[in-house]
Amino acid sequence: MNLDKAIELLTQKLELWATSLIKMLPNLFVASLVLILGIYTAKQVRKFIDKKLRKYFPTKTLADLSISIFYAFIIGVVIFIVLRILNLDKTITTALAGAGIAGLALAFAFQDIAANFISGIFMSLRRPFYVGDAIRVKEFEGFVVEMKIRDTTIQTYQGQIITIPNREVFQNALINYTRLGKRRADVTGGVSKNADLRKIQEVALHALKNVPNAIVEDTTFFYEHIGNETIDFKIRIWVNSGERIPYLNFMSEVIIHLSKAFK
């Protein structure tokens, strides 16, 4: 008896499900059509924005983020319409309410990821550097290879690829050697107290005019200290490049020219 009753209940359930499925077939057809057309439309809109409107965004990172958010929004609207057609919108509303509570807990667990994400957005708006710029963040220095919404990748002068979380880039002091387009070199030295100070200044400034890539009009020479045996001077000379390797080569040329002129 129990087995017969169980089979009867199962048969009734299957018949009920089959009847409900048959009744839902038109809605399923319409929902499938809406879903296919919605996804196709979302992709076409994304392509249009990417092709026609990308140039109006301040940075590539911000453009990628905005396009992705807009695409996700359209897909979300399409899914909600599909669920509405299937009369499942109340179910999804209840699920979203529960997801909101879970999301609050996840927000604390993934706060570092959120901080990197928000920092990436702010940096995309402020644009402290561009791809190819020579920068320094904390102890890391090199050329910017790529900036994503969560991290920034630089290549050091030794060829190492380093990925830095955007929170570290945003919250710490950042030096951009490329932005100004030039960099100052400070050279110090000392001369004998019996030397002709005016003559030394004249010889040094004349020699520095011949240093490659020097910005001559910005060069300054002044004496700053009288020591026990020497009078110390400082030279401030600018090079028309902010990158490290040209700067080091320039420093070397400055020293060579000064040494040769003093001899």
Protein backbone atom coordinates (compact mmCIF):
# COMPACT_ATOMS: atom_id res chain seq x y z
CA MET A 1 0.00 0.00 0.00
CA ASN A 2 2.71 2.43 0.95
CA LEU A 3 4.55 1.80 -2.32
CA ASP A 4 1.39 2.28 -4.39
CA LYS A 5 0.62 5.51 -2.54
CA ALA A 6 4.16 6.80 -3.10
CA ILE A 7 3.94 6.01 -6.83
CA GLU A 8 0.58 7.76 -7.02
CA LEU A 9 1.96 10.89 -5.29
CA LEU A 10 4.97 10.91 -7.59
CA THR A 11 2.74 10.53 -10.64
CA GLN A 12 0.59 13.43 -9.50
CA LYS A 13 3.66 15.61 -8.97
CA LEU A 14 5.03 14.79 -12.41
CA GLU A 15 1.67 15.54 -14.01
CA LEU A 16 1.51 18.86 -12.15
CA TRP A 17 5.03 19.80 -13.25
CA ALA A 18 4.29 18.79 -16.83
CA THR A 19 1.11 20.85 -16.84
CA SER A 20 2.96 23.87 -15.38
CA LEU A 21 5.73 23.49 -17.94
CA ILE A 22 3.24 23.38 -20.81
CA LYS A 23 1.55 26.52 -19.47
CA MET A 24 4.95 28.24 -19.20
CA LEU A 25 6.12 27.30 -22.71
CA PRO A 26 4.98 30.60 -24.29
CA ASN A 27 6.64 32.56 -21.49
CA LEU A 28 9.79 30.46 -21.82
CA PHE A 29 9.88 31.13 -25.54
CA VAL A 30 9.43 34.88 -25.07
CA ALA A 31 11.96 34.95 -22.21
CA SER A 32 14.55 33.09 -24.32
CA LEU A 33 13.98 35.48 -27.21
CA VAL A 34 14.32 38.51 -24.92
CA LEU A 35 17.50 37.08 -23.38
CA ILE A 36 19.14 36.43 -26.77
CA LEU A 37 18.18 39.84 -28.17
CA GLY A 38 19.18 41.57 -24.92
CA ILE A 39 22.65 40.03 -24.86
CA TYR A 40 23.14 40.84 -28.55
CA THR A 41 22.03 44.44 -27.98
CA ALA A 42 24.31 44.80 -24.95
CA LYS A 43 27.31 43.61 -26.99
CA GLN A 44 26.50 45.99 -29.84
CA VAL A 45 26.12 48.92 -27.45
CA ARG A 46 29.44 48.03 -25.82
CA LYS A 47 31.14 47.92 -29.22
CA PHE A 48 29.62 51.28 -30.16
CA ILE A 49 30.77 52.95 -26.94
CA ASP A 50 34.22 51.37 -27.22
CA LYS A 51 34.62 52.59 -30.80
CA LYS A 52 32.94 56.00 -30.75
CA LEU A 53 33.11 57.27 -27.17
CA ARG A 54 36.36 55.82 -25.76
CA LYS A 55 38.34 58.91 -26.82
CA TYR A 56 36.25 61.09 -24.50
CA PHE A 57 37.38 59.23 -21.38
CA PRO A 58 40.44 60.70 -19.61
CA THR A 59 42.26 57.34 -19.32
CA LYS A 60 42.09 53.83 -20.77
CA THR A 61 41.53 52.35 -17.31
CA LEU A 62 38.52 54.55 -16.63
CA ALA A 63 37.16 53.84 -20.11
CA ASP A 64 37.41 50.07 -19.60
CA LEU A 65 35.74 50.33 -16.20
CA SER A 66 32.89 52.55 -17.42
CA ILE A 67 32.21 50.37 -20.46
CA SER A 68 32.18 47.22 -18.32
CA ILE A 69 29.79 48.78 -15.78
CA PHE A 70 27.44 49.97 -18.53
CA TYR A 71 27.50 46.52 -20.17
CA ALA A 72 26.79 44.82 -16.83
CA PHE A 73 23.91 47.24 -16.20
CA ILE A 74 22.26 46.38 -19.53
CA ILE A 75 22.69 42.65 -18.88
CA GLY A 76 21.18 43.12 -15.43
CA VAL A 77 18.13 44.88 -16.90
CA VAL A 78 17.71 42.09 -19.47
CA ILE A 79 17.89 39.39 -16.79
CA PHE A 80 15.33 41.23 -14.65
CA ILE A 81 12.93 41.45 -17.63
CA VAL A 82 13.40 37.74 -18.32
CA LEU A 83 12.63 36.88 -14.70
CA ARG A 84 9.61 39.16 -14.82
CA ILE A 85 8.29 37.31 -17.86
CA LEU A 86 8.74 34.01 -16.00
CA ASN A 87 7.07 35.45 -12.88
CA LEU A 88 10.24 34.91 -10.89
CA ASP A 89 10.91 38.56 -10.05
CA LYS A 90 9.67 38.14 -6.46
CA THR A 91 12.00 35.21 -5.98
CA ILE A 92 15.00 37.17 -7.20
CA THR A 93 14.04 40.12 -4.98
CA THR A 94 14.10 37.84 -1.95
CA ALA A 95 17.45 36.42 -3.06
CA LEU A 96 18.89 39.92 -3.48
CA ALA A 97 17.79 40.87 0.03
CA GLY A 98 19.69 37.89 1.41
CA ALA A 99 22.64 38.70 -0.82
CA GLY A 100 22.73 42.21 0.62
CA ILE A 101 23.34 40.85 4.11
CA ALA A 102 26.00 38.49 2.79
CA GLY A 103 27.54 41.33 0.80
CA LEU A 104 27.97 43.38 3.95
CA ALA A 105 29.99 40.57 5.50
CA LEU A 106 32.02 40.11 2.33
CA ALA A 107 32.77 43.84 2.25
CA PHE A 108 34.78 43.51 5.45
CA ALA A 109 36.52 40.39 4.19
CA PHE A 110 37.53 42.01 0.89
CA GLN A 111 38.18 45.55 2.06
CA ASP A 112 41.73 45.48 0.66
CA ILE A 113 40.41 44.61 -2.79
CA ALA A 114 37.83 47.38 -2.50
CA ALA A 115 40.54 49.86 -1.44
CA ASN A 116 42.67 48.94 -4.48
CA PHE A 117 39.62 49.27 -6.73
CA ILE A 118 38.65 52.72 -5.41
CA SER A 119 42.27 53.90 -5.50
CA GLY A 120 42.45 52.86 -9.16
CA ILE A 121 39.36 54.96 -9.93
CA PHE A 122 40.80 58.05 -8.20
CA MET A 123 44.15 57.64 -9.98
CA SER A 124 42.34 57.33 -13.32
CA LEU A 125 40.73 60.68 -12.61
CA ARG A 126 43.84 62.42 -11.26
CA ARG A 127 46.26 60.83 -13.76
CA PRO A 128 49.50 61.17 -11.77
CA PHE A 129 51.34 59.25 -14.50
CA TYR A 130 50.92 57.65 -17.92
CA VAL A 131 52.13 54.40 -19.43
CA GLY A 132 55.83 54.83 -20.22
CA ASP A 133 56.51 57.37 -17.46
CA ALA A 134 59.46 56.81 -15.12
CA ILE A 135 58.14 56.80 -11.54
CA ARG A 136 59.16 55.85 -8.01
CA VAL A 137 56.78 54.44 -5.39
CA LYS A 138 58.34 53.60 -2.02
CA GLU A 139 61.44 51.54 -2.88
CA PHE A 140 60.24 50.64 -6.40
CA GLU A 141 61.42 52.64 -9.41
CA GLY A 142 60.97 52.04 -13.11
CA PHE A 143 58.78 52.59 -16.17
CA VAL A 144 55.00 52.19 -16.04
CA VAL A 145 54.04 49.20 -18.18
CA GLU A 146 50.33 48.99 -17.42
CA MET A 147 47.77 50.51 -15.09
CA LYS A 148 44.69 48.47 -14.25
CA ILE A 149 41.82 49.30 -11.97
CA ARG A 150 43.32 47.20 -9.13
CA ASP A 151 47.08 47.39 -9.64
CA THR A 152 49.90 49.10 -11.51
CA THR A 153 52.75 47.27 -13.23
CA ILE A 154 56.20 48.81 -13.62
CA GLN A 155 59.42 47.54 -15.13
CA THR A 156 62.52 48.38 -13.12
CA TYR A 157 65.75 49.50 -14.73
CA GLN A 158 67.10 46.01 -14.06
CA GLY A 159 64.27 44.51 -16.17
CA GLN A 160 62.15 43.22 -13.28
CA ILE A 161 58.36 43.34 -13.64
CA ILE A 162 56.70 44.50 -10.41
CA THR A 163 52.94 44.68 -9.78
CA ILE A 164 52.01 47.18 -7.08
CA PRO A 165 48.50 47.35 -5.54
CA ASN A 166 46.88 50.66 -6.38
CA ARG A 167 46.25 51.40 -2.72
CA GLU A 168 50.02 51.48 -2.17
CA VAL A 169 50.48 53.77 -5.16
CA PHE A 170 47.67 56.12 -4.13
CA GLN A 171 48.45 56.39 -0.41
CA ASN A 172 52.23 56.82 -0.67
CA ALA A 173 54.42 59.59 -2.07
CA LEU A 174 54.88 59.15 -5.81
CA ILE A 175 57.74 60.66 -7.80
CA ASN A 176 57.17 61.15 -11.51
CA TYR A 177 60.50 61.78 -13.24
CA THR A 178 58.96 62.15 -16.69
CA ARG A 179 56.09 64.60 -16.15
CA LEU A 180 58.21 67.78 -15.92
CA GLY A 181 60.35 66.78 -18.90
CA LYS A 182 63.60 67.79 -17.19
CA ARG A 183 65.59 67.02 -14.05
CA ARG A 184 68.12 68.90 -11.96
CA ALA A 185 71.56 67.58 -11.14
CA ASP A 186 73.37 68.95 -8.09
CA VAL A 187 77.17 68.76 -8.13
CA THR A 188 79.26 69.82 -5.14
CA GLY A 189 82.99 70.36 -4.87
CA GLY A 190 85.72 72.30 -3.11
CA VAL A 191 88.57 74.58 -4.17
CA SER A 192 91.62 75.96 -2.41
CA LYS A 193 91.14 79.08 -0.31
CA ASN A 194 93.91 80.72 -2.35
CA ALA A 195 92.19 80.10 -5.68
CA ASP A 196 90.67 82.81 -7.84
CA LEU A 197 86.99 82.20 -7.04
CA ARG A 198 85.66 84.38 -9.85
CA LYS A 199 87.87 82.61 -12.37
CA ILE A 200 86.75 79.16 -11.16
CA GLN A 201 83.08 80.16 -11.46
CA GLU A 202 83.69 81.48 -14.97
CA VAL A 203 85.58 78.36 -16.09
CA ALA A 204 82.92 76.03 -14.66
CA LEU A 205 79.97 77.79 -16.28
CA HIS A 206 81.76 77.94 -19.61
CA ALA A 207 82.58 74.21 -19.47
CA LEU A 208 78.99 73.27 -18.61
CA LYS A 209 77.70 74.93 -21.78
CA ASN A 210 79.24 72.06 -23.75
CA VAL A 211 77.59 69.25 -21.78
CA PRO A 212 75.12 67.38 -24.05
CA ASN A 213 71.41 67.87 -23.20
CA ALA A 214 72.17 70.59 -20.62
CA ILE A 215 69.69 73.44 -20.21
CA VAL A 216 72.32 76.14 -20.06
CA GLU A 217 70.09 79.06 -19.09
CA ASP A 218 68.99 77.26 -15.92
CA THR A 219 72.53 76.49 -14.71
CA THR A 220 73.66 78.16 -11.47
CA PHE A 221 76.99 78.18 -9.63
CA PHE A 222 77.47 79.50 -6.10
CA TYR A 223 79.79 79.11 -3.15
CA GLU A 224 78.07 77.89 -0.02
CA HIS A 225 80.62 77.03 2.70
CA ILE A 226 84.12 77.87 3.93
CA GLY A 227 85.80 74.81 5.36
CA ASN A 228 89.10 74.31 7.12
CA GLU A 229 91.05 73.81 3.89
CA THR A 230 88.63 74.47 1.03
CA ILE A 231 85.81 76.69 -0.08
CA ASP A 232 82.87 74.52 -1.11
CA PHE A 233 80.67 75.24 -4.10
CA LYS A 234 77.49 73.82 -5.57
CA ILE A 235 76.40 73.65 -9.18
CA ARG A 236 72.76 73.19 -10.15
CA ILE A 237 72.34 72.15 -13.75
CA TRP A 238 69.26 70.83 -15.54
CA VAL A 239 69.05 68.05 -18.12
CA ASN A 240 66.19 67.91 -20.62
CA SER A 241 65.16 64.39 -19.60
CA GLY A 242 63.66 63.10 -16.39
CA GLU A 243 64.54 59.43 -16.82
CA ARG A 244 67.17 57.69 -14.74
CA ILE A 245 69.64 56.40 -17.34
CA PRO A 246 69.91 59.71 -19.26
CA TYR A 247 70.24 61.46 -15.91
CA LEU A 248 73.12 59.23 -14.79
CA ASN A 249 74.87 59.68 -18.14
CA PHE A 250 74.37 63.43 -17.83
CA MET A 251 75.86 63.49 -14.32
CA SER A 252 78.87 61.61 -15.63
CA GLU A 253 79.35 64.11 -18.47
CA VAL A 254 79.08 67.05 -16.07
CA ILE A 255 81.84 65.65 -13.88
CA ILE A 256 84.05 64.89 -16.90
CA HIS A 257 83.67 68.40 -18.33
CA LEU A 258 84.30 70.08 -14.98
CA SER A 259 87.37 67.97 -14.29
CA LYS A 260 88.83 68.68 -17.72
CA ALA A 261 88.13 72.44 -17.43
CA PHE A 262 89.69 72.73 -13.96
CA LYS A 263 92.85 70.93 -15.11
